[in-house]
Amino acid sequence: MTLSVKDLRDAEPRDKQYKLTDREGLYVLVHPNGGKYFRYDYRFGGKRKTLALGTFPETSLR
């Protein structure tokens, strides 16, 4: 699924954090407090790493 700005605006907080996934490691982590955080998962040296890219709406999908 490809994320859109509408998807991000419509994402409601839940009791536990959850992910809205895009593709190839990119996702938005939605926290119970309503915060929406862009993250990117990748592998380096055989280990899984996560890169924090910013928050929505300050950081865009473009």
PDB file of N, CA and C in Angstrom:
ATOM      1  N   MET A   1       0.838  -1.175   0.000  1.00  0.00           N
ATOM      2  CA  MET A   1       0.000   0.000   0.000  1.00  0.00           C
ATOM      3  C   MET A   1       0.886   1.242   0.000  1.00  0.00           C
ATOM      4  N   THR A   2       0.535   2.210  -0.794  1.00  0.00           N
ATOM      5  CA  THR A   2       1.249   3.474  -0.814  1.00  0.00           C
ATOM      6  C   THR A   2       0.525   4.462   0.086  1.00  0.00           C
ATOM      7  N   LEU A   3       1.245   5.062   1.002  1.00  0.00           N
ATOM      8  CA  LEU A   3       0.650   6.027   1.924  1.00  0.00           C
ATOM      9  C   LEU A   3       0.317   7.326   1.206  1.00  0.00           C
ATOM     10  N   SER A   4      -0.758   7.953   1.633  1.00  0.00           N
ATOM     11  CA  SER A   4      -1.134   9.264   1.111  1.00  0.00           C
ATOM     12  C   SER A   4      -1.296  10.224   2.288  1.00  0.00           C
ATOM     13  N   VAL A   5      -1.333  11.501   1.981  1.00  0.00           N
ATOM     14  CA  VAL A   5      -1.542  12.509   3.018  1.00  0.00           C
ATOM     15  C   VAL A   5      -2.891  12.275   3.693  1.00  0.00           C
ATOM     16  N   LYS A   6      -3.889  11.878   2.916  1.00  0.00           N
ATOM     17  CA  LYS A   6      -5.214  11.584   3.479  1.00  0.00           C
ATOM     18  C   LYS A   6      -5.127  10.452   4.499  1.00  0.00           C
ATOM     19  N   ASP A   7      -4.377   9.386   4.172  1.00  0.00           N
ATOM     20  CA  ASP A   7      -4.194   8.273   5.114  1.00  0.00           C
ATOM     21  C   ASP A   7      -3.611   8.774   6.435  1.00  0.00           C
ATOM     22  N   LEU A   8      -2.632   9.652   6.345  1.00  0.00           N
ATOM     23  CA  LEU A   8      -1.977  10.161   7.553  1.00  0.00           C
ATOM     24  C   LEU A   8      -2.903  11.060   8.357  1.00  0.00           C
ATOM     25  N   ARG A   9      -3.641  11.911   7.677  1.00  0.00           N
ATOM     26  CA  ARG A   9      -4.589  12.785   8.382  1.00  0.00           C
ATOM     27  C   ARG A   9      -5.688  11.980   9.067  1.00  0.00           C
ATOM     28  N   ASP A  10      -6.140  10.906   8.397  1.00  0.00           N
ATOM     29  CA  ASP A  10      -7.246  10.094   8.914  1.00  0.00           C
ATOM     30  C   ASP A  10      -6.829   9.103   9.997  1.00  0.00           C
ATOM     31  N   ALA A  11      -5.529   8.893  10.188  1.00  0.00           N
ATOM     32  CA  ALA A  11      -5.046   7.914  11.168  1.00  0.00           C
ATOM     33  C   ALA A  11      -5.396   8.376  12.582  1.00  0.00           C
ATOM     34  N   GLU A  12      -6.210   7.606  13.249  1.00  0.00           N
ATOM     35  CA  GLU A  12      -6.655   7.927  14.608  1.00  0.00           C
ATOM     36  C   GLU A  12      -5.789   7.195  15.627  1.00  0.00           C
ATOM     37  N   PRO A  13      -5.514   7.829  16.771  1.00  0.00           N
ATOM     38  CA  PRO A  13      -4.773   7.131  17.826  1.00  0.00           C
ATOM     39  C   PRO A  13      -5.576   5.955  18.372  1.00  0.00           C
ATOM     40  N   ARG A  14      -4.871   4.932  18.806  1.00  0.00           N
ATOM     41  CA  ARG A  14      -5.473   3.753  19.434  1.00  0.00           C
ATOM     42  C   ARG A  14      -4.840   3.574  20.809  1.00  0.00           C
ATOM     43  N   ASP A  15      -5.285   2.552  21.522  1.00  0.00           N
ATOM     44  CA  ASP A  15      -4.725   2.281  22.852  1.00  0.00           C
ATOM     45  C   ASP A  15      -3.237   1.959  22.791  1.00  0.00           C
ATOM     46  N   LYS A  16      -2.811   1.296  21.715  1.00  0.00           N
ATOM     47  CA  LYS A  16      -1.403   0.945  21.526  1.00  0.00           C
ATOM     48  C   LYS A  16      -0.921   1.542  20.210  1.00  0.00           C
ATOM     49  N   GLN A  17       0.384   1.809  20.134  1.00  0.00           N
ATOM     50  CA  GLN A  17       0.924   2.336  18.887  1.00  0.00           C
ATOM     51  C   GLN A  17       0.784   1.307  17.770  1.00  0.00           C
ATOM     52  N   TYR A  18       0.693   1.788  16.535  1.00  0.00           N
ATOM     53  CA  TYR A  18       0.588   0.901  15.381  1.00  0.00           C
ATOM     54  C   TYR A  18       1.274   1.541  14.186  1.00  0.00           C
ATOM     55  N   LYS A  19       1.498   0.725  13.144  1.00  0.00           N
ATOM     56  CA  LYS A  19       2.210   1.178  11.951  1.00  0.00           C
ATOM     57  C   LYS A  19       1.270   1.303  10.764  1.00  0.00           C
ATOM     58  N   LEU A  20       1.492   2.345   9.980  1.00  0.00           N
ATOM     59  CA  LEU A  20       0.913   2.467   8.650  1.00  0.00           C
ATOM     60  C   LEU A  20       2.087   2.277   7.699  1.00  0.00           C
ATOM     61  N   THR A  21       2.098   1.174   6.972  1.00  0.00           N
ATOM     62  CA  THR A  21       3.257   0.857   6.148  1.00  0.00           C
ATOM     63  C   THR A  21       3.098   1.375   4.730  1.00  0.00           C
ATOM     64  N   ASP A  22       4.217   1.726   4.145  1.00  0.00           N
ATOM     65  CA  ASP A  22       4.263   2.146   2.757  1.00  0.00           C
ATOM     66  C   ASP A  22       4.888   1.004   1.968  1.00  0.00           C
ATOM     67  N   ARG A  23       6.163   1.049   1.730  1.00  0.00           N
ATOM     68  CA  ARG A  23       6.852  -0.042   1.050  1.00  0.00           C
ATOM     69  C   ARG A  23       8.350   0.085   1.290  1.00  0.00           C
ATOM     70  N   GLU A  24       9.029  -1.022   1.113  1.00  0.00           N
ATOM     71  CA  GLU A  24      10.483  -1.078   1.221  1.00  0.00           C
ATOM     72  C   GLU A  24      11.021  -0.449   2.505  1.00  0.00           C
ATOM     73  N   GLY A  25      10.325  -0.680   3.624  1.00  0.00           N
ATOM     74  CA  GLY A  25      10.835  -0.263   4.921  1.00  0.00           C
ATOM     75  C   GLY A  25      10.290   1.038   5.476  1.00  0.00           C
ATOM     76  N   LEU A  26       9.596   1.836   4.654  1.00  0.00           N
ATOM     77  CA  LEU A  26       9.057   3.107   5.130  1.00  0.00           C
ATOM     78  C   LEU A  26       7.708   2.893   5.800  1.00  0.00           C
ATOM     79  N   TYR A  27       7.515   3.516   6.963  1.00  0.00           N
ATOM     80  CA  TYR A  27       6.226   3.442   7.651  1.00  0.00           C
ATOM     81  C   TYR A  27       6.046   4.658   8.550  1.00  0.00           C
ATOM     82  N   VAL A  28       4.818   4.847   9.004  1.00  0.00           N
ATOM     83  CA  VAL A  28       4.499   5.888   9.976  1.00  0.00           C
ATOM     84  C   VAL A  28       4.026   5.186  11.235  1.00  0.00           C
ATOM     85  N   LEU A  29       4.628   5.526  12.344  1.00  0.00           N
ATOM     86  CA  LEU A  29       4.263   4.970  13.639  1.00  0.00           C
ATOM     87  C   LEU A  29       3.288   5.941  14.297  1.00  0.00           C
ATOM     88  N   VAL A  30       2.067   5.470  14.569  1.00  0.00           N
ATOM     89  CA  VAL A  30       1.033   6.304  15.182  1.00  0.00           C
ATOM     90  C   VAL A  30       0.968   5.957  16.668  1.00  0.00           C
ATOM     91  N   HIS A  31       1.248   6.947  17.509  1.00  0.00           N
ATOM     92  CA  HIS A  31       1.271   6.742  18.958  1.00  0.00           C
ATOM     93  C   HIS A  31      -0.101   7.015  19.574  1.00  0.00           C
ATOM     94  N   PRO A  32      -0.361   6.468  20.760  1.00  0.00           N
ATOM     95  CA  PRO A  32      -1.634   6.705  21.449  1.00  0.00           C
ATOM     96  C   PRO A  32      -1.916   8.189  21.723  1.00  0.00           C
ATOM     97  N   ASN A  33      -0.867   9.006  21.818  1.00  0.00           N
ATOM     98  CA  ASN A  33      -1.059  10.444  22.056  1.00  0.00           C
ATOM     99  C   ASN A  33      -1.387  11.208  20.773  1.00  0.00           C
ATOM    100  N   GLY A  34      -1.444  10.498  19.631  1.00  0.00           N
ATOM    101  CA  GLY A  34      -1.777  11.120  18.357  1.00  0.00           C
ATOM    102  C   GLY A  34      -0.577  11.497  17.510  1.00  0.00           C
ATOM    103  N   GLY A  35       0.629  11.357  18.048  1.00  0.00           N
ATOM    104  CA  GLY A  35       1.838  11.671  17.289  1.00  0.00           C
ATOM    105  C   GLY A  35       2.033  10.691  16.141  1.00  0.00           C
ATOM    106  N   LYS A  36       2.509  11.208  15.013  1.00  0.00           N
ATOM    107  CA  LYS A  36       2.738  10.390  13.818  1.00  0.00           C
ATOM    108  C   LYS A  36       4.184  10.577  13.393  1.00  0.00           C
ATOM    109  N   TYR A  37       4.951   9.492  13.431  1.00  0.00           N
ATOM    110  CA  TYR A  37       6.391   9.541  13.255  1.00  0.00           C
ATOM    111  C   TYR A  37       6.825   8.705  12.057  1.00  0.00           C
ATOM    112  N   PHE A  38       7.528   9.334  11.113  1.00  0.00           N
ATOM    113  CA  PHE A  38       8.067   8.615   9.964  1.00  0.00           C
ATOM    114  C   PHE A  38       9.288   7.820  10.401  1.00  0.00           C
ATOM    115  N   ARG A  39       9.333   6.560   9.994  1.00  0.00           N
ATOM    116  CA  ARG A  39      10.457   5.674  10.289  1.00  0.00           C
ATOM    117  C   ARG A  39      10.824   4.890   9.030  1.00  0.00           C
ATOM    118  N   TYR A  40      12.093   4.476   8.974  1.00  0.00           N
ATOM    119  CA  TYR A  40      12.562   3.661   7.860  1.00  0.00           C
ATOM    120  C   TYR A  40      13.406   2.531   8.427  1.00  0.00           C
ATOM    121  N   ASP A  41      13.000   1.286   8.169  1.00  0.00           N
ATOM    122  CA  ASP A  41      13.751   0.109   8.617  1.00  0.00           C
ATOM    123  C   ASP A  41      14.637  -0.386   7.486  1.00  0.00           C
ATOM    124  N   TYR A  42      15.878  -0.752   7.843  1.00  0.00           N
ATOM    125  CA  TYR A  42      16.822  -1.275   6.858  1.00  0.00           C
ATOM    126  C   TYR A  42      17.800  -2.208   7.559  1.00  0.00           C
ATOM    127  N   ARG A  43      18.588  -2.899   6.772  1.00  0.00           N
ATOM    128  CA  ARG A  43      19.613  -3.790   7.322  1.00  0.00           C
ATOM    129  C   ARG A  43      20.990  -3.249   6.971  1.00  0.00           C
ATOM    130  N   PHE A  44      21.885  -3.312   7.953  1.00  0.00           N
ATOM    131  CA  PHE A  44      23.268  -2.906   7.750  1.00  0.00           C
ATOM    132  C   PHE A  44      24.141  -3.859   8.548  1.00  0.00           C
ATOM    133  N   GLY A  45      25.080  -4.480   7.879  1.00  0.00           N
ATOM    134  CA  GLY A  45      25.950  -5.435   8.559  1.00  0.00           C
ATOM    135  C   GLY A  45      25.192  -6.605   9.147  1.00  0.00           C
ATOM    136  N   GLY A  46      24.071  -6.980   8.508  1.00  0.00           N
ATOM    137  CA  GLY A  46      23.275  -8.106   8.970  1.00  0.00           C
ATOM    138  C   GLY A  46      22.355  -7.791  10.144  1.00  0.00           C
ATOM    139  N   LYS A  47      22.324  -6.537  10.575  1.00  0.00           N
ATOM    140  CA  LYS A  47      21.473  -6.152  11.701  1.00  0.00           C
ATOM    141  C   LYS A  47      20.385  -5.189  11.242  1.00  0.00           C
ATOM    142  N   ARG A  48      19.220  -5.313  11.860  1.00  0.00           N
ATOM    143  CA  ARG A  48      18.104  -4.420  11.552  1.00  0.00           C
ATOM    144  C   ARG A  48      18.320  -3.076  12.236  1.00  0.00           C
ATOM    145  N   LYS A  49      18.135  -2.019  11.476  1.00  0.00           N
ATOM    146  CA  LYS A  49      18.278  -0.658  11.987  1.00  0.00           C
ATOM    147  C   LYS A  49      17.009   0.120  11.666  1.00  0.00           C
ATOM    148  N   THR A  50      16.725   1.151  12.447  1.00  0.00           N
ATOM    149  CA  THR A  50      15.588   2.036  12.202  1.00  0.00           C
ATOM    150  C   THR A  50      16.083   3.470  12.182  1.00  0.00           C
ATOM    151  N   LEU A  51      15.707   4.178  11.135  1.00  0.00           N
ATOM    152  CA  LEU A  51      16.064   5.578  10.975  1.00  0.00           C
ATOM    153  C   LEU A  51      14.829   6.432  11.221  1.00  0.00           C
ATOM    154  N   ALA A  52      14.917   7.398  12.133  1.00  0.00           N
ATOM    155  CA  ALA A  52      13.817   8.328  12.405  1.00  0.00           C
ATOM    156  C   ALA A  52      13.926   9.477  11.409  1.00  0.00           C
ATOM    157  N   LEU A  53      12.836   9.729  10.665  1.00  0.00           N
ATOM    158  CA  LEU A  53      12.869  10.725   9.599  1.00  0.00           C
ATOM    159  C   LEU A  53      12.148  12.023   9.941  1.00  0.00           C
ATOM    160  N   GLY A  54      11.301  12.029  10.948  1.00  0.00           N
ATOM    161  CA  GLY A  54      10.579  13.237  11.320  1.00  0.00           C
ATOM    162  C   GLY A  54       9.145  12.930  11.699  1.00  0.00           C
ATOM    163  N   THR A  55       8.378  13.983  11.951  1.00  0.00           N
ATOM    164  CA  THR A  55       6.988  13.832  12.365  1.00  0.00           C
ATOM    165  C   THR A  55       6.054  14.414  11.314  1.00  0.00           C
ATOM    166  N   PHE A  56       4.825  13.908  11.293  1.00  0.00           N
ATOM    167  CA  PHE A  56       3.795  14.442  10.410  1.00  0.00           C
ATOM    168  C   PHE A  56       2.991  15.463  11.201  1.00  0.00           C
ATOM    169  N   PRO A  57       2.707  16.625  10.685  1.00  0.00           N
ATOM    170  CA  PRO A  57       2.818  17.097   9.307  1.00  0.00           C
ATOM    171  C   PRO A  57       4.088  17.894   9.001  1.00  0.00           C
ATOM    172  N   GLU A  58       4.997  18.052   9.956  1.00  0.00           N
ATOM    173  CA  GLU A  58       6.223  18.814   9.706  1.00  0.00           C
ATOM    174  C   GLU A  58       7.058  18.205   8.587  1.00  0.00           C
ATOM    175  N   THR A  59       7.084  16.880   8.501  1.00  0.00           N
ATOM    176  CA  THR A  59       7.770  16.166   7.432  1.00  0.00           C
ATOM    177  C   THR A  59       6.708  15.649   6.475  1.00  0.00           C
ATOM    178  N   SER A  60       6.949  15.813   5.178  1.00  0.00           N
ATOM    179  CA  SER A  60       5.946  15.398   4.195  1.00  0.00           C
ATOM    180  C   SER A  60       6.366  14.106   3.502  1.00  0.00           C
ATOM    181  N   LEU A  61       5.491  13.584   2.678  1.00  0.00           N
ATOM    182  CA  LEU A  61       5.772  12.371   1.915  1.00  0.00           C
ATOM    183  C   LEU A  61       6.593  12.654   0.656  1.00  0.00           C
ATOM    184  N   ARG A  62       6.805  13.889   0.336  1.00  0.00           N
ATOM    185  CA  ARG A  62       7.525  14.227  -0.908  1.00  0.00           C
ATOM    186  C   ARG A  62       8.998  14.243  -0.715  1.00  0.00           C
TER     187      ARG A  62
END
